[in-house]
C-alpha cells in the first residue's frame, strides 16, 4: 500500500534456503548445508506458488532455517522469476570450488524449470566470482543481472546495522570474532552507484550494460498486484431448507425480538429494516451469521461471553442475534459507527470469552470451517524507546548503569499515545535528557543509535486474539508458519492489518480472566444455595456498585482498572 502510494512498484519475492538433500532430511552435521536462491513473483500464479513454497519451508522443511527443496521447486515454479543467488548459492559455491561440471549441472537444472526467467546474479560484493560467472553464463546462454546484497537503505545506516547485528548475536561491536558486515557496503545502491561498483570488477562495459538493463527488464516482468479492498467472506453453512443467507439472517433477527421481549413497534421495525438494508447492501450477511453462530455455540455450553464492547453495541441486529447484551435503542447508540456503507470494510466485533475456555471456541471454529481455513494471526514485537537504549548501550559496551539512567528519563506512559519517534521527541521535551544529549558525547552517540533502532521488529509471536477464517484454504491467500513459542500453533505470516487489507475475515477472540472470575463466582453462588444469577439481568443502576467505582478500587474490573 505504501509503495503504491509513493509511486514505487512493489515487487514481491524472497531469498529462500534450498536444502542440500530434501526438506525432510534433518540430520545433524549433514543437513546444516543450505543454499540461497532469489525468487520473484511475476503474476498471480507466481504469488500463489510462492505462498506454497514459503509455507512448506516453515511447516515441513524447517531445520535451523525454513528450507525448500527441488521437489517443491519442480511443483511450484510457474509464474516465478529465479535469480541464481548470492555468494552462498549452489552455483556460487560450485564456481568457488572450481567445479565447472557441477556449476553447469546447476544451471541446466534451473534453466529447465524457469527457462527465460532464470538469471545469473552478479554482485560487486563477490569480485572473485564475477569472471567465472560471466564466462559460464555466456557458455550456457543465460543472461546476467546485477544485484546488491542490501541490508539497509543508506550508507549512513551501516553503524546502526552493525549495532543491530551485535544485539541479535549477543556480542559487543568491539568483539573481534563476531558476525559483522563491516568492510562491505550493504546499502541500497542507486543505478549509478551500481555501475561504478561493477566498473571496479572484471566486467567489461558491455557486460555491465547487460547486467544493469536486465534489472529493469525483470522489474517489468513482475506484474503482480494485490487486489486490496475486495472482501473474501467464508460462506455460512445454512440449515436444511434455507437457501439465502440474507433471508435466513432476517428470520433470525425477527425471532430475536420475541426472545428479547421486544415489541416490533414502528420505531423498532424501522431500525431493523435500516440495519438489514445496509447489511444486504454491503454483502455482510454471512459475517453476522458466522459471528452469531460462534457466540451462541459458546453460550449454549455455558462459556462466559462478554456483553459486547466498542461500536458493535450500536447494532440492534447484533443485540437481537444474541451477539451483544446492550440494547442500542435504550441507550440511543448509532449503528453507523459500527457499519458504514461508505466504507468498504468488514465491521469489527470484539468477542470476549472466559480465558479458561477460549481454546474451546477456537477449536469450534477449526472444526466447523476446517483446520486449513482457520489460523491465529502473527504479531511483531518492536524495539521500544527504553529497550532500544539499553540494547544499543549493551552492544556499544557502555556501562549498564549509564544506559539505565538515560532509559529512565524516557517517560513511561503505556496507556497513552506515544509520539512516532519517541526518543527524538523526548530529547526536545525532557530538559535533563536534552542536557545530557547536548553535553555528553557518549549519551549523544547512544541516543542517536537507539533512535535509529526504535521500531525495528524484535520478535514474532501469536496475537492475543486475532484469528483469520477463510473461504478457501488460507494458503490460497497468505503464507503460514509455526509460532516461535509453540511448534503446535500455526499462525499467519502477515499481521492483522495486512489480513484485513487482503479482505479476509478477522475475528478477535479475546480470553479474559475477568470473565473467568465472574463465571466461577456465579457457579459458587449457585453451589452455596444462592439464586442462579445471569449477568445480563443484574441492574445497571446499583448504588453500591457506583460507590465502589467512585473509590477508585477497581482492580480486576475490565477496562476500569487501568489509568485510562
Protein backbone atom coordinates (compact mmCIF):
# COMPACT_ATOMS: atom_id res chain seq x y z
CA UNK A 1 0.00 0.00 0.00
CA UNK A 2 2.74 2.43 0.99
CA UNK A 3 4.89 1.67 -2.06
CA UNK A 4 1.99 2.14 -4.46
CA UNK A 5 1.00 5.38 -2.75
CA UNK A 6 4.59 6.63 -3.11
CA UNK A 7 4.65 5.75 -6.81
CA UNK A 8 7.00 2.80 -6.31
CA UNK A 9 6.28 -0.53 -7.99
CA UNK A 10 6.25 -3.24 -5.31
CA UNK A 11 7.98 -6.49 -6.33
CA UNK A 12 7.21 -9.47 -4.12
CA UNK A 13 9.75 -12.19 -3.57
CA UNK A 14 12.17 -13.75 -1.14
CA UNK A 15 15.66 -15.05 -0.67
CA UNK A 16 14.95 -18.65 0.20
CA UNK A 17 17.08 -21.51 1.53
CA UNK A 18 17.35 -24.66 -0.60
CA UNK A 19 18.17 -27.89 1.26
CA UNK A 20 21.25 -29.87 0.15
CA UNK A 21 19.15 -33.05 0.14
CA UNK A 22 15.39 -32.90 0.77
CA UNK A 23 13.42 -30.62 3.07
CA UNK A 24 12.58 -33.63 5.25
CA UNK A 25 16.24 -34.56 5.87
CA UNK A 26 17.35 -33.07 9.18
CA UNK A 27 20.46 -34.98 10.17
CA UNK A 28 22.90 -33.15 12.40
CA UNK A 29 26.15 -32.22 10.71
CA UNK A 30 24.81 -33.23 7.28
CA UNK A 31 21.76 -31.09 6.55
CA UNK A 32 23.04 -27.83 8.00
CA UNK A 33 24.23 -27.01 4.45
CA UNK A 34 21.68 -24.90 2.62
CA UNK A 35 21.90 -22.68 -0.45
CA UNK A 36 20.47 -19.22 -1.08
CA UNK A 37 18.16 -18.63 -4.04
CA UNK A 38 16.26 -15.47 -5.08
CA UNK A 39 12.64 -15.90 -6.21
CA UNK A 40 10.48 -13.04 -7.55
CA UNK A 41 6.74 -13.03 -8.30
CA UNK A 42 5.73 -12.42 -11.93
CA UNK A 43 1.96 -12.85 -11.74
CA UNK A 44 -0.95 -14.19 -9.65
CA UNK A 45 0.09 -17.81 -10.21
CA UNK A 46 3.60 -16.90 -9.09
CA UNK A 47 2.27 -15.38 -5.86
CA UNK A 48 0.16 -18.47 -5.17
CA UNK A 49 3.19 -20.69 -5.75
CA UNK A 50 5.46 -18.51 -3.61
CA UNK A 51 2.95 -18.77 -0.74
CA UNK A 52 3.09 -22.56 -1.03
CA UNK A 53 6.90 -22.57 -1.06
CA UNK A 54 7.15 -20.26 1.95
CA UNK A 55 4.52 -22.18 3.95
CA UNK A 56 6.05 -25.59 3.26
CA UNK A 57 9.56 -24.30 4.00
CA UNK A 58 8.32 -23.48 7.51
CA UNK A 59 5.90 -26.33 8.21
CA UNK A 60 7.88 -29.13 6.54
CA UNK A 61 11.44 -28.01 5.87
CA UNK A 62 12.41 -26.03 8.97
CA UNK A 63 15.85 -27.04 10.24
CA UNK A 64 17.55 -24.03 11.86
CA UNK A 65 16.08 -22.06 8.93
CA UNK A 66 12.96 -22.54 6.75
CA UNK A 67 14.07 -24.62 3.72
CA UNK A 68 12.56 -25.65 0.42
CA UNK A 69 13.91 -28.40 -1.84
CA UNK A 70 13.99 -29.21 -5.52
CA UNK A 71 10.82 -31.29 -5.33
CA UNK A 72 8.92 -28.19 -4.22
CA UNK A 73 10.56 -26.02 -6.89
CA UNK A 74 9.53 -28.52 -9.57
CA UNK A 75 5.93 -28.35 -8.32
CA UNK A 76 5.63 -24.60 -7.60
CA UNK A 77 7.90 -22.77 -10.09
CA UNK A 78 5.29 -21.41 -12.51
CA UNK A 79 4.93 -17.60 -12.54
CA UNK A 80 8.22 -17.08 -10.69
CA UNK A 81 11.48 -15.46 -11.82
CA UNK A 82 14.57 -17.16 -10.42
CA UNK A 83 17.91 -15.43 -9.79
CA UNK A 84 20.87 -17.72 -9.08
CA UNK A 85 21.54 -16.27 -5.62
CA UNK A 86 24.39 -14.57 -3.76
CA UNK A 87 27.82 -15.98 -2.83
CA UNK A 88 26.01 -18.58 -0.66
CA UNK A 89 24.11 -20.04 -3.61
CA UNK A 90 24.64 -23.52 -5.03
CA UNK A 91 26.05 -22.04 -8.24
CA UNK A 92 28.46 -19.70 -6.45
CA UNK A 93 29.76 -22.49 -4.20
CA UNK A 94 30.39 -24.72 -7.25
CA UNK A 95 32.27 -21.91 -9.03
CA UNK A 96 34.19 -21.04 -5.87
CA UNK A 97 35.46 -24.63 -5.65
CA UNK A 98 36.34 -24.57 -9.40
CA UNK A 99 33.81 -27.36 -10.04
CA UNK A 100 32.70 -26.26 -13.53
CA UNK A 101 30.88 -29.52 -14.25
CA UNK A 102 28.70 -29.13 -11.16
CA UNK A 103 28.10 -25.44 -11.93
CA UNK A 104 26.88 -26.33 -15.45
CA UNK A 105 24.62 -29.02 -13.99
CA UNK A 106 23.11 -26.48 -11.54
CA UNK A 107 22.44 -24.02 -14.39
CA UNK A 108 20.90 -26.73 -16.59
CA UNK A 109 18.55 -27.72 -13.75
CA UNK A 110 17.27 -24.21 -13.02
CA UNK A 111 17.11 -23.34 -16.71
CA UNK A 112 14.92 -26.42 -17.30
CA UNK A 113 12.49 -25.13 -14.64
CA UNK A 114 12.46 -21.38 -15.24
CA UNK A 115 13.58 -21.08 -18.88
CA UNK A 116 13.97 -17.41 -19.87
CA UNK A 117 13.11 -16.41 -16.30
CA UNK A 118 16.42 -17.73 -14.92
CA UNK A 119 19.26 -15.21 -14.43
CA UNK A 120 22.76 -15.45 -13.02
CA UNK A 121 23.36 -12.84 -10.32
CA UNK A 122 26.47 -10.65 -10.49
CA UNK A 123 27.30 -8.89 -7.22
CA UNK A 124 30.04 -6.31 -6.61
CA UNK A 125 30.45 -7.89 -3.14
CA UNK A 126 31.87 -11.05 -4.81
CA UNK A 127 34.51 -9.74 -7.28
CA UNK A 128 36.43 -13.05 -7.21
CA UNK A 129 33.41 -14.90 -8.65
CA UNK A 130 32.40 -12.44 -11.38
CA UNK A 131 34.78 -13.60 -14.12
CA UNK A 132 33.70 -17.25 -13.72
CA UNK A 133 30.01 -16.25 -13.51
CA UNK A 134 30.13 -14.25 -16.77
CA UNK A 135 32.05 -16.96 -18.64
CA UNK A 136 29.67 -19.75 -17.63
CA UNK A 137 26.63 -17.52 -18.29
CA UNK A 138 27.78 -16.92 -21.87
CA UNK A 139 28.64 -20.59 -22.38
CA UNK A 140 25.23 -21.75 -21.11
CA UNK A 141 23.24 -18.95 -22.78
CA UNK A 142 21.90 -17.49 -19.53
CA UNK A 143 21.51 -13.71 -19.03
CA UNK A 144 23.32 -11.98 -16.17
CA UNK A 145 21.77 -9.45 -13.80
CA UNK A 146 23.37 -7.02 -11.36
CA UNK A 147 22.16 -7.39 -7.76
CA UNK A 148 23.18 -5.91 -4.45
CA UNK A 149 23.13 -7.61 -1.05
CA UNK A 150 21.17 -4.80 0.64
CA UNK A 151 20.55 -4.87 4.39
CA UNK A 152 19.88 -1.17 4.91
CA UNK A 153 18.96 1.86 2.80
CA UNK A 154 21.70 4.47 3.20
CA UNK A 155 25.44 4.08 3.76
CA UNK A 156 24.91 6.17 6.89
CA UNK A 157 22.85 3.26 8.30
CA UNK A 158 25.89 0.92 8.37
CA UNK A 159 26.89 1.68 12.03
CA UNK A 160 23.28 1.17 13.19
CA UNK A 161 23.07 -2.13 11.31
CA UNK A 162 26.33 -3.20 12.93
CA UNK A 163 24.89 -2.47 16.38
CA UNK A 164 21.72 -4.39 15.48
CA UNK A 165 23.79 -7.44 14.45
CA UNK A 166 25.68 -7.24 17.74
CA UNK A 167 22.35 -7.12 19.65
CA UNK A 168 20.99 -10.11 17.74
CA UNK A 169 24.13 -12.22 18.29
CA UNK A 170 24.66 -11.15 21.90
CA UNK A 171 28.02 -9.52 21.17
CA UNK A 172 29.65 -6.12 21.56
CA UNK A 173 30.74 -4.13 18.49
CA UNK A 174 34.34 -4.25 19.81
CA UNK A 175 34.42 -8.08 19.78
CA UNK A 176 36.90 -9.14 17.11
CA UNK A 177 35.41 -12.52 16.12
CA UNK A 178 31.77 -11.50 15.98
CA UNK A 179 29.49 -11.71 12.91
CA UNK A 180 29.65 -8.37 11.09
CA UNK A 181 29.19 -6.76 7.67
CA UNK A 182 31.99 -4.27 8.39
CA UNK A 183 34.01 -3.56 5.26
CA UNK A 184 31.05 -4.34 2.96
CA UNK A 185 28.69 -1.76 1.52
CA UNK A 186 25.29 -3.37 2.08
CA UNK A 187 23.25 -0.24 1.38
CA UNK A 188 20.53 0.11 -1.26
CA UNK A 189 22.68 1.36 -4.13
CA UNK A 190 21.40 3.59 -6.92
CA UNK A 191 21.86 2.64 -10.58
CA UNK A 192 24.83 5.00 -10.87
CA UNK A 193 26.44 3.55 -7.74
CA UNK A 194 25.97 0.00 -9.07
CA UNK A 195 27.62 0.86 -12.40
CA UNK A 196 30.57 2.44 -10.56
CA UNK A 197 30.90 -0.59 -8.24
CA UNK A 198 30.83 -3.01 -11.20
CA UNK A 199 33.40 -0.95 -13.11
CA UNK A 200 35.88 -1.87 -10.37
CA UNK A 201 35.42 -5.58 -11.18
CA UNK A 202 36.42 -7.85 -14.09
CA UNK A 203 33.27 -6.94 -16.06
CA UNK A 204 33.66 -5.10 -19.37
CA UNK A 205 31.36 -2.24 -20.40
CA UNK A 206 29.03 -4.44 -22.49
CA UNK A 207 28.55 -6.93 -19.62
CA UNK A 208 27.83 -4.10 -17.18
CA UNK A 209 25.19 -2.67 -19.54
CA UNK A 210 23.53 -6.09 -19.85
CA UNK A 211 23.61 -6.72 -16.10
CA UNK A 212 22.12 -3.29 -15.33
CA UNK A 213 19.50 -3.26 -18.11
CA UNK A 214 18.26 -6.70 -17.06
CA UNK A 215 17.28 -5.30 -13.65
CA UNK A 216 14.70 -3.09 -15.41
CA UNK A 217 13.65 -5.97 -17.66
CA UNK A 218 12.97 -8.18 -14.64
CA UNK A 219 11.08 -5.38 -12.89
CA UNK A 220 8.88 -5.00 -15.99
CA UNK A 221 8.17 -8.75 -15.98
CA UNK A 222 6.86 -8.56 -12.41
CA UNK A 223 3.23 -7.55 -12.85
CA UNK A 224 1.51 -8.95 -9.75
CA UNK A 225 -0.54 -6.61 -7.58
CA UNK A 226 -2.73 -7.37 -4.59
CA UNK A 227 -6.41 -6.63 -5.15
CA UNK A 228 -6.88 -4.61 -2.00
CA UNK A 229 -10.42 -3.74 -0.97
CA UNK A 230 -12.01 -7.00 -2.17
CA UNK A 231 -13.82 -8.88 0.59
CA UNK A 232 -13.39 -12.68 0.78
CA UNK A 233 -16.01 -13.84 3.27
CA UNK A 234 -16.48 -17.53 4.06
CA UNK A 235 -19.99 -18.79 3.31
CA UNK A 236 -22.06 -19.74 6.35
CA UNK A 237 -23.42 -23.28 6.10
CA UNK A 238 -27.20 -22.70 6.14
CA UNK A 239 -29.59 -25.15 7.86
CA UNK A 240 -31.56 -27.57 5.72
CA UNK A 241 -34.37 -25.80 3.89
CA UNK A 242 -32.71 -22.39 3.99
CA UNK A 243 -31.41 -21.12 0.63
CA UNK A 244 -30.37 -17.50 1.10
CA UNK A 245 -28.03 -16.02 3.73
CA UNK A 246 -29.81 -12.67 3.96
CA UNK A 247 -33.27 -14.23 4.24
CA UNK A 248 -32.04 -16.57 6.99
CA UNK A 249 -30.40 -13.64 8.81
CA UNK A 250 -33.67 -11.65 8.59
CA UNK A 251 -35.55 -14.63 10.03
CA UNK A 252 -33.16 -14.91 12.99
CA UNK A 253 -33.38 -11.18 13.69
CA UNK A 254 -37.18 -11.25 13.91
CA UNK A 255 -37.04 -14.36 16.10
CA UNK A 256 -34.70 -12.36 18.32
CA UNK A 257 -37.35 -9.74 19.05
CA UNK A 258 -39.52 -12.40 20.68
CA UNK A 259 -36.60 -13.85 22.63
CA UNK A 260 -35.60 -10.40 23.88
CA UNK A 261 -39.23 -9.47 24.67
CA UNK A 262 -39.17 -6.50 22.30
CA UNK A 263 -42.39 -5.41 20.64
CA UNK A 264 -41.89 -4.67 16.92
CA UNK A 265 -43.21 -1.13 17.01
CA UNK A 266 -42.85 1.20 14.05
CA UNK A 267 -39.61 2.57 15.54
CA UNK A 268 -38.14 -0.88 16.15
CA UNK A 269 -39.15 -2.18 12.71
CA UNK A 270 -37.68 0.90 11.03
CA UNK A 271 -34.35 0.41 12.85
CA UNK A 272 -34.27 -3.31 11.97
CA UNK A 273 -35.07 -2.60 8.31
CA UNK A 274 -32.43 0.15 8.19
CA UNK A 275 -29.68 -2.05 9.61
CA UNK A 276 -30.61 -5.05 7.48
CA UNK A 277 -30.68 -2.93 4.31
CA UNK A 278 -27.10 -1.78 4.96
CA UNK A 279 -26.01 -5.36 5.75
CA UNK A 280 -27.59 -6.51 2.47
CA UNK A 281 -26.02 -3.64 0.52
CA UNK A 282 -22.54 -4.40 1.87
CA UNK A 283 -22.95 -8.16 1.42
CA UNK A 284 -22.10 -8.96 5.04
CA UNK A 285 -24.97 -11.36 5.85
CA UNK A 286 -22.59 -14.31 6.19
CA UNK A 287 -20.40 -12.31 8.57
CA UNK A 288 -23.26 -11.81 11.04
CA UNK A 289 -24.35 -15.44 10.68
CA UNK A 290 -20.81 -16.68 11.40
CA UNK A 291 -20.40 -14.46 14.48
CA UNK A 292 -23.86 -15.21 15.96
CA UNK A 293 -23.29 -18.94 15.44
CA UNK A 294 -19.97 -18.76 17.29
CA UNK A 295 -21.31 -16.70 20.20
CA UNK A 296 -24.45 -18.79 20.62
CA UNK A 297 -22.40 -22.01 20.45
CA UNK A 298 -20.31 -20.71 23.35
CA UNK A 299 -23.32 -19.52 25.37
CA UNK A 300 -25.12 -22.85 24.85
CA UNK A 301 -22.12 -24.52 26.50
CA UNK A 302 -22.06 -22.13 29.44
CA UNK A 303 -18.89 -20.40 28.28
CA UNK A 304 -18.98 -16.88 29.65
CA UNK A 305 -19.15 -14.33 26.80
CA UNK A 306 -18.65 -10.59 27.21
CA UNK A 307 -21.67 -8.28 26.77
CA UNK A 308 -20.09 -6.57 23.75
CA UNK A 309 -17.81 -3.56 23.62
CA UNK A 310 -16.88 -0.96 21.07
CA UNK A 311 -19.08 0.14 18.20
CA UNK A 312 -20.80 -3.29 17.89
CA UNK A 313 -23.02 -2.25 20.80
CA UNK A 314 -24.68 0.22 18.40
CA UNK A 315 -26.19 -2.59 16.33
CA UNK A 316 -29.75 -3.70 17.08
CA UNK A 317 -29.23 -6.68 14.75
CA UNK A 318 -26.27 -7.80 16.90
CA UNK A 319 -28.41 -7.47 20.04
CA UNK A 320 -31.28 -9.46 18.53
CA UNK A 321 -28.87 -12.17 17.30
CA UNK A 322 -27.62 -12.56 20.89
CA UNK A 323 -24.11 -11.37 19.93
CA UNK A 324 -24.26 -8.38 22.31
CA UNK A 325 -26.18 -7.73 25.52
CA UNK A 326 -26.68 -3.97 25.12
CA UNK A 327 -29.95 -2.60 23.71
CA UNK A 328 -28.85 0.24 21.39
CA UNK A 329 -32.40 1.73 21.31
CA UNK A 330 -32.45 2.12 25.07
CA UNK A 331 -29.14 3.98 25.07
CA UNK A 332 -29.59 5.74 21.71
CA UNK A 333 -26.46 4.21 20.15
CA UNK A 334 -25.58 4.79 16.49
CA UNK A 335 -25.43 1.89 14.04
CA UNK A 336 -23.32 3.85 11.53
CA UNK A 337 -20.37 3.96 13.93
CA UNK A 338 -20.34 0.18 13.62
CA UNK A 339 -21.17 -0.35 9.95
CA UNK A 340 -20.97 2.46 7.44
CA UNK A 341 -21.92 1.70 3.81
CA UNK A 342 -19.45 4.35 2.65
CA UNK A 343 -16.53 2.27 3.95
CA UNK A 344 -15.89 -0.97 2.09
CA UNK A 345 -14.54 -2.88 5.06
CA UNK A 346 -15.79 -5.60 7.37
CA UNK A 347 -17.26 -4.44 10.69
CA UNK A 348 -15.26 -5.32 13.79
CA UNK A 349 -16.95 -7.21 16.62
CA UNK A 350 -14.61 -7.83 19.55
CA UNK A 351 -15.60 -11.09 21.21
CA UNK A 352 -14.59 -11.72 24.83
CA UNK A 353 -14.66 -15.20 26.36
CA UNK A 354 -13.65 -16.67 29.71
CA UNK A 355 -9.92 -17.23 29.29
CA UNK A 356 -10.02 -20.79 30.66
CA UNK A 357 -12.35 -21.84 27.80
CA UNK A 358 -11.20 -19.66 24.89
CA UNK A 359 -9.40 -22.62 23.32
CA UNK A 360 -12.72 -24.46 23.04
CA UNK A 361 -14.14 -21.59 20.99
CA UNK A 362 -11.09 -21.55 18.70
CA UNK A 363 -11.40 -25.33 18.38
CA UNK A 364 -15.04 -24.97 17.30
CA UNK A 365 -14.04 -22.56 14.53
CA UNK A 366 -11.43 -25.00 13.23
CA UNK A 367 -13.86 -27.90 13.40
CA UNK A 368 -16.66 -26.02 11.61
CA UNK A 369 -14.67 -24.28 8.86
CA UNK A 370 -11.72 -26.69 8.53
CA UNK A 371 -8.23 -26.68 10.04
CA UNK A 372 -6.76 -25.28 6.82
CA UNK A 373 -9.27 -22.39 6.85
CA UNK A 374 -8.61 -21.09 10.38
CA UNK A 375 -5.39 -19.76 11.95
CA UNK A 376 -4.22 -17.38 14.61
CA UNK A 377 -2.55 -14.18 13.44
CA UNK A 378 1.09 -13.21 13.87
CA UNK A 379 2.18 -10.05 15.66
CA UNK A 380 5.60 -8.41 15.64
CA UNK A 381 7.14 -7.00 18.78
CA UNK A 382 9.22 -3.91 18.03
CA UNK A 383 12.03 -2.26 19.92
CA UNK A 384 10.52 0.41 22.16
CA UNK A 385 12.45 3.52 23.20
CA UNK A 386 13.71 2.34 26.60
CA UNK A 387 14.60 -1.13 25.30
CA UNK A 388 16.43 0.37 22.30
CA UNK A 389 18.61 2.45 24.63
CA UNK A 390 19.50 -0.49 26.88
CA UNK A 391 20.15 -2.89 23.95
CA UNK A 392 22.20 -0.37 21.96
CA UNK A 393 24.22 0.52 25.05
CA UNK A 394 25.00 -3.14 25.79
CA UNK A 395 26.17 -3.68 22.18
CA UNK A 396 28.25 -0.49 22.28
CA UNK A 397 29.95 -1.59 25.52
CA UNK A 398 28.53 1.31 27.56
CA UNK A 399 28.07 0.55 31.31
CA UNK A 400 24.54 -0.64 32.12
CA UNK A 401 24.08 1.89 34.94
CA UNK A 402 24.60 4.77 32.48
CA UNK A 403 22.22 3.24 29.90
CA UNK A 404 19.61 2.63 32.58
CA UNK A 405 19.91 6.23 33.81
CA UNK A 406 19.19 7.53 30.30
CA UNK A 407 16.41 4.97 29.61
CA UNK A 408 14.58 6.05 32.77
CA UNK A 409 14.46 9.63 31.52
CA UNK A 410 12.08 8.45 28.75
CA UNK A 411 8.53 8.95 30.14
CA UNK A 412 6.71 5.64 30.60
CA UNK A 413 3.03 6.02 29.69
CA UNK A 414 1.86 2.64 28.32
CA UNK A 415 -1.80 3.66 28.22
CA UNK A 416 -1.33 6.94 26.40
CA UNK A 417 -0.50 7.63 22.77
CA UNK A 418 3.22 7.69 22.17
CA UNK A 419 4.93 10.06 19.72
CA UNK A 420 6.06 8.46 16.46
CA UNK A 421 9.79 8.94 17.12
CA UNK A 422 9.78 8.69 20.89
CA UNK A 423 13.46 9.27 21.60
CA UNK A 424 13.71 12.25 19.22
CA UNK A 425 10.56 13.79 20.70
CA UNK A 426 11.59 13.32 24.32
CA UNK A 427 15.08 14.79 23.75
CA UNK A 428 13.21 18.03 22.94
CA UNK A 429 10.65 17.68 25.75
CA UNK A 430 12.67 16.42 28.75
CA UNK A 431 15.21 19.06 29.91
CA UNK A 432 17.53 16.59 31.67
CA UNK A 433 17.61 14.33 28.60
CA UNK A 434 18.24 17.30 26.31
CA UNK A 435 21.13 18.47 28.51
CA UNK A 436 22.76 15.02 28.51
CA UNK A 437 22.36 14.78 24.72
CA UNK A 438 23.97 18.16 24.13
CA UNK A 439 26.74 17.99 26.76
CA UNK A 440 27.75 14.30 26.88
CA UNK A 441 29.19 12.79 23.63
CA UNK A 442 28.63 9.22 24.88
CA UNK A 443 24.97 9.97 25.65
CA UNK A 444 24.55 11.59 22.23
CA UNK A 445 26.04 8.54 20.45
CA UNK A 446 23.85 6.18 22.45
CA UNK A 447 20.62 8.15 21.86
CA UNK A 448 21.35 8.58 18.14
CA UNK A 449 21.91 4.82 17.73
CA UNK A 450 18.85 3.93 19.81
CA UNK A 451 16.59 6.34 17.88
CA UNK A 452 17.54 4.55 14.63
CA UNK A 453 16.74 1.16 16.21
CA UNK A 454 13.42 2.29 17.68
CA UNK A 455 10.55 0.49 15.93
CA UNK A 456 12.70 -2.29 14.43
CA UNK A 457 10.97 -5.70 14.61
CA UNK A 458 12.45 -7.60 17.56
CA UNK A 459 10.48 -10.84 17.58
CA UNK A 460 7.32 -12.53 16.30
CA UNK A 461 4.59 -14.04 18.47
CA UNK A 462 0.92 -15.00 18.42
CA UNK A 463 -1.58 -12.12 18.53
CA UNK A 464 -3.59 -12.19 21.76
CA UNK A 465 -6.93 -12.55 19.99
CA UNK A 466 -6.66 -12.17 16.20
CA UNK A 467 -7.98 -15.14 14.24
CA UNK A 468 -8.46 -15.42 10.48
CA UNK A 469 -11.23 -17.52 8.88
CA UNK A 470 -11.16 -18.01 5.11
CA UNK A 471 -13.47 -19.28 2.39
CA UNK A 472 -10.71 -21.20 0.57
CA UNK A 473 -7.66 -22.70 2.33
CA UNK A 474 -5.62 -19.94 3.98
CA UNK A 475 -2.61 -20.68 1.75
CA UNK A 476 -4.67 -19.51 -1.23
CA UNK A 477 -4.26 -16.02 0.25
CA UNK A 478 -1.21 -15.84 2.51
CA UNK A 479 1.66 -17.94 3.94
CA UNK A 480 1.71 -19.75 7.28
CA UNK A 481 4.39 -20.70 9.78
CA UNK A 482 4.73 -22.23 13.24
CA UNK A 483 4.57 -19.90 16.24
CA UNK A 484 8.12 -19.28 17.55
CA UNK A 485 6.97 -20.11 21.08
CA UNK A 486 4.96 -23.25 20.21
CA UNK A 487 5.55 -25.64 17.31
CA UNK A 488 1.96 -26.92 17.53
CA UNK A 489 0.44 -23.50 16.83
CA UNK A 490 0.12 -22.45 13.17
CA UNK A 491 0.00 -18.71 12.53
CA UNK A 492 -0.19 -16.37 9.54
CA UNK A 493 2.98 -14.65 8.32
CA UNK A 494 1.06 -11.41 7.70
CA UNK A 495 -0.05 -9.30 10.67
CA UNK A 496 -3.64 -8.29 11.36
CA UNK A 497 -3.75 -5.07 9.31
CA UNK A 498 -2.43 -6.91 6.27
CA UNK A 499 -5.00 -9.67 6.81
CA UNK A 500 -7.75 -7.04 6.81
CA UNK A 501 -6.30 -5.28 3.75
CA UNK A 502 -6.49 -8.58 1.86
CA UNK A 503 -10.24 -8.62 2.62
CA UNK A 504 -10.09 -11.69 4.88
CA UNK A 505 -12.36 -12.25 7.87
CA UNK A 506 -10.54 -11.41 11.11
CA UNK A 507 -12.35 -12.36 14.30
CA UNK A 508 -10.99 -11.18 17.64
CA UNK A 509 -11.36 -13.93 20.25
CA UNK A 510 -10.06 -12.40 23.47
CA UNK A 511 -9.70 -14.59 26.53
CA UNK A 512 -10.46 -12.53 29.64
CA UNK A 513 -9.53 -13.57 33.17
CA UNK A 514 -12.24 -11.18 34.40
CA UNK A 515 -14.93 -13.29 32.72
CA UNK A 516 -13.50 -16.48 34.23
CA UNK A 517 -13.72 -14.88 37.70
CA UNK A 518 -17.36 -13.87 37.05
CA UNK A 519 -18.17 -17.35 35.72
CA UNK A 520 -16.66 -19.04 38.78
CA UNK A 521 -18.41 -16.56 41.12
CA UNK A 522 -21.82 -17.37 39.61
CA UNK A 523 -21.07 -21.09 39.93
CA UNK A 524 -20.10 -20.76 43.59
CA UNK A 525 -23.20 -18.66 44.39
CA UNK A 526 -25.40 -21.39 42.93
CA UNK A 527 -23.47 -24.21 44.65
CA UNK A 528 -23.80 -22.46 48.02
CA UNK A 529 -27.57 -22.31 47.69
CA UNK A 530 -27.99 -18.87 46.19
CA UNK A 531 -30.03 -17.87 43.15
CA UNK A 532 -28.94 -18.88 39.64
CA UNK A 533 -27.82 -15.43 38.52
CA UNK A 534 -27.49 -14.21 34.96
CA UNK A 535 -25.06 -11.35 34.40
CA UNK A 536 -27.27 -9.60 31.83
CA UNK A 537 -30.09 -9.42 34.44
CA UNK A 538 -28.03 -7.60 37.05
CA UNK A 539 -29.35 -3.99 37.25
CA UNK A 540 -27.08 -1.26 35.92
CA UNK A 541 -28.30 1.28 38.48
CA UNK A 542 -26.97 -0.46 41.62
CA UNK A 543 -25.85 2.30 44.03
CA UNK A 544 -23.30 0.16 45.89
CA UNK A 545 -21.53 -0.61 42.62
CA UNK A 546 -21.21 3.07 41.77
CA UNK A 547 -19.95 3.86 45.27
CA UNK A 548 -17.22 1.24 44.80
CA UNK A 549 -16.24 2.71 41.42
CA UNK A 550 -16.07 6.18 42.98
CA UNK A 551 -13.46 4.98 45.50
CA UNK A 552 -11.14 4.03 42.64
CA UNK A 553 -10.83 0.48 44.00
CA UNK A 554 -11.32 -1.06 40.56
CA UNK A 555 -8.59 -3.69 40.36
CA UNK A 556 -9.98 -6.65 38.39
CA UNK A 557 -12.71 -4.59 36.70
CA UNK A 558 -12.08 -4.85 32.97
CA UNK A 559 -11.04 -1.51 31.40
CA UNK A 560 -11.67 0.32 34.70
CA UNK A 561 -8.54 -0.94 36.45
CA UNK A 562 -6.01 0.91 34.27
CA UNK A 563 -5.13 4.60 34.39
CA UNK A 564 -7.11 5.24 31.19
